[in-house]
Amino acid sequence: MLTTFGMIFLAELGDKTQLATLSFAAESKSLVAVFIGSAGALILASLIAVVLGSGLARVIPADYIKMGAGVLFIVLGVWMIFFSGGK
């Protein structure tokens, strides 16, 4: 549990979600609402990942899931670089 916490905590530092939460907090009068909304969204996204991961692990070896996630991460990164919609 501590390893999972540490890895997710470090991965989330400075990412788009944290920056979006920071922006919402800067604009909002209710910091509690921003915190609850942000925490709830992260919990729901994590729940979806856990359910899908455990389901996939029943039919696909964990090493393949890790490789697939890595490849998807790279593909999405390249996609965002070349097709960001910016001018």
C-alpha atoms as a PDB file:
ATOM      1  CA  MET A   1       0.000   0.000   0.000  1.00  0.00           C
ATOM      2  CA  LEU A   2       2.832   2.425   0.826  1.00  0.00           C
ATOM      3  CA  THR A   3       4.539   1.706  -2.492  1.00  0.00           C
ATOM      4  CA  THR A   4       1.331   2.379  -4.394  1.00  0.00           C
ATOM      5  CA  PHE A   5       0.727   5.572  -2.415  1.00  0.00           C
ATOM      6  CA  GLY A   6       4.279   6.809  -2.982  1.00  0.00           C
ATOM      7  CA  MET A   7       4.303   6.080  -6.707  1.00  0.00           C
ATOM      8  CA  ILE A   8       0.888   7.632  -7.359  1.00  0.00           C
ATOM      9  CA  PHE A   9       1.669  10.647  -5.169  1.00  0.00           C
ATOM     10  CA  LEU A  10       4.935  11.318  -7.003  1.00  0.00           C
ATOM     11  CA  ALA A  11       3.343  10.730 -10.410  1.00  0.00           C
ATOM     12  CA  GLU A  12       0.537  13.183  -9.647  1.00  0.00           C
ATOM     13  CA  LEU A  13       2.791  16.032  -8.483  1.00  0.00           C
ATOM     14  CA  GLY A  14       2.732  18.800 -11.058  1.00  0.00           C
ATOM     15  CA  ASP A  15       0.511  16.974 -13.531  1.00  0.00           C
ATOM     16  CA  LYS A  16      -2.429  18.510 -15.389  1.00  0.00           C
ATOM     17  CA  THR A  17      -4.913  17.373 -12.753  1.00  0.00           C
ATOM     18  CA  GLN A  18      -3.013  19.089  -9.962  1.00  0.00           C
ATOM     19  CA  LEU A  19      -2.633  22.262 -12.010  1.00  0.00           C
ATOM     20  CA  ALA A  20      -6.356  22.253 -12.832  1.00  0.00           C
ATOM     21  CA  THR A  21      -7.174  21.811  -9.134  1.00  0.00           C
ATOM     22  CA  LEU A  22      -4.824  24.673  -8.299  1.00  0.00           C
ATOM     23  CA  SER A  23      -6.644  26.872 -10.822  1.00  0.00           C
ATOM     24  CA  PHE A  24     -10.057  25.936  -9.440  1.00  0.00           C
ATOM     25  CA  ALA A  25      -8.870  26.679  -5.905  1.00  0.00           C
ATOM     26  CA  ALA A  26      -7.570  30.077  -6.979  1.00  0.00           C
ATOM     27  CA  GLU A  27     -10.995  30.996  -8.411  1.00  0.00           C
ATOM     28  CA  SER A  28     -13.268  29.366  -5.837  1.00  0.00           C
ATOM     29  CA  LYS A  29     -14.667  30.704  -2.619  1.00  0.00           C
ATOM     30  CA  SER A  30     -15.166  27.150  -1.339  1.00  0.00           C
ATOM     31  CA  LEU A  31     -11.851  25.347  -1.047  1.00  0.00           C
ATOM     32  CA  VAL A  32     -13.597  22.410   0.614  1.00  0.00           C
ATOM     33  CA  ALA A  33     -15.783  21.957  -2.488  1.00  0.00           C
ATOM     34  CA  VAL A  34     -12.708  22.035  -4.738  1.00  0.00           C
ATOM     35  CA  PHE A  35     -10.935  19.498  -2.522  1.00  0.00           C
ATOM     36  CA  ILE A  36     -13.926  17.151  -2.341  1.00  0.00           C
ATOM     37  CA  GLY A  37     -14.549  17.384  -6.091  1.00  0.00           C
ATOM     38  CA  SER A  38     -10.893  16.807  -6.924  1.00  0.00           C
ATOM     39  CA  ALA A  39     -10.474  13.958  -4.438  1.00  0.00           C
ATOM     40  CA  GLY A  40     -13.722  12.326  -5.584  1.00  0.00           C
ATOM     41  CA  ALA A  41     -12.656  12.457  -9.222  1.00  0.00           C
ATOM     42  CA  LEU A  42      -9.269  10.905  -8.428  1.00  0.00           C
ATOM     43  CA  ILE A  43     -10.908   8.179  -6.341  1.00  0.00           C
ATOM     44  CA  LEU A  44     -13.384   7.354  -9.130  1.00  0.00           C
ATOM     45  CA  ALA A  45     -10.630   7.291 -11.779  1.00  0.00           C
ATOM     46  CA  SER A  46      -8.546   5.036  -9.520  1.00  0.00           C
ATOM     47  CA  LEU A  47     -11.512   2.721  -8.921  1.00  0.00           C
ATOM     48  CA  ILE A  48     -12.049   2.370 -12.662  1.00  0.00           C
ATOM     49  CA  ALA A  49      -8.343   1.590 -13.166  1.00  0.00           C
ATOM     50  CA  VAL A  50      -8.348  -1.019 -10.374  1.00  0.00           C
ATOM     51  CA  VAL A  51     -11.474  -2.763 -11.692  1.00  0.00           C
ATOM     52  CA  LEU A  52     -10.233  -2.768 -15.293  1.00  0.00           C
ATOM     53  CA  GLY A  53      -6.727  -3.813 -14.255  1.00  0.00           C
ATOM     54  CA  SER A  54      -7.936  -6.723 -12.170  1.00  0.00           C
ATOM     55  CA  GLY A  55     -10.300  -7.831 -14.931  1.00  0.00           C
ATOM     56  CA  LEU A  56      -7.602  -7.641 -17.593  1.00  0.00           C
ATOM     57  CA  ALA A  57      -5.150  -9.513 -15.364  1.00  0.00           C
ATOM     58  CA  ARG A  58      -7.460 -12.528 -15.466  1.00  0.00           C
ATOM     59  CA  VAL A  59      -7.019 -12.899 -19.229  1.00  0.00           C
ATOM     60  CA  ILE A  60      -3.749 -11.079 -20.023  1.00  0.00           C
ATOM     61  CA  PRO A  61      -0.409 -11.525 -18.220  1.00  0.00           C
ATOM     62  CA  ALA A  62       0.571  -8.542 -16.032  1.00  0.00           C
ATOM     63  CA  ASP A  63       3.769  -7.952 -18.018  1.00  0.00           C
ATOM     64  CA  TYR A  64       1.734  -7.428 -21.198  1.00  0.00           C
ATOM     65  CA  ILE A  65      -0.582  -5.015 -19.389  1.00  0.00           C
ATOM     66  CA  LYS A  66       2.446  -3.005 -18.196  1.00  0.00           C
ATOM     67  CA  MET A  67       3.932  -2.935 -21.704  1.00  0.00           C
ATOM     68  CA  GLY A  68       0.588  -1.953 -23.196  1.00  0.00           C
ATOM     69  CA  ALA A  69       0.170   0.857 -20.680  1.00  0.00           C
ATOM     70  CA  GLY A  70       3.682   2.097 -21.442  1.00  0.00           C
ATOM     71  CA  VAL A  71       3.082   2.046 -25.192  1.00  0.00           C
ATOM     72  CA  LEU A  72      -0.267   3.809 -24.757  1.00  0.00           C
ATOM     73  CA  PHE A  73       1.403   6.468 -22.606  1.00  0.00           C
ATOM     74  CA  ILE A  74       4.024   7.090 -25.304  1.00  0.00           C
ATOM     75  CA  VAL A  75       1.432   7.133 -28.108  1.00  0.00           C
ATOM     76  CA  LEU A  76      -0.726   9.637 -26.219  1.00  0.00           C
ATOM     77  CA  GLY A  77       2.321  11.812 -25.508  1.00  0.00           C
ATOM     78  CA  VAL A  78       3.308  11.860 -29.173  1.00  0.00           C
ATOM     79  CA  TRP A  79      -0.324  12.518 -30.150  1.00  0.00           C
ATOM     80  CA  MET A  80      -0.458  15.500 -27.784  1.00  0.00           C
ATOM     81  CA  ILE A  81       2.785  16.900 -29.223  1.00  0.00           C
ATOM     82  CA  PHE A  82       1.688  16.720 -32.846  1.00  0.00           C
ATOM     83  CA  PHE A  83      -2.091  17.154 -32.544  1.00  0.00           C
ATOM     84  CA  SER A  84      -2.468  19.512 -29.589  1.00  0.00           C
ATOM     85  CA  GLY A  85      -4.903  21.738 -31.455  1.00  0.00           C
ATOM     86  CA  GLY A  86      -2.659  24.752 -30.921  1.00  0.00           C
ATOM     87  CA  LYS A  87      -1.728  27.072 -33.723  1.00  0.00           C
END
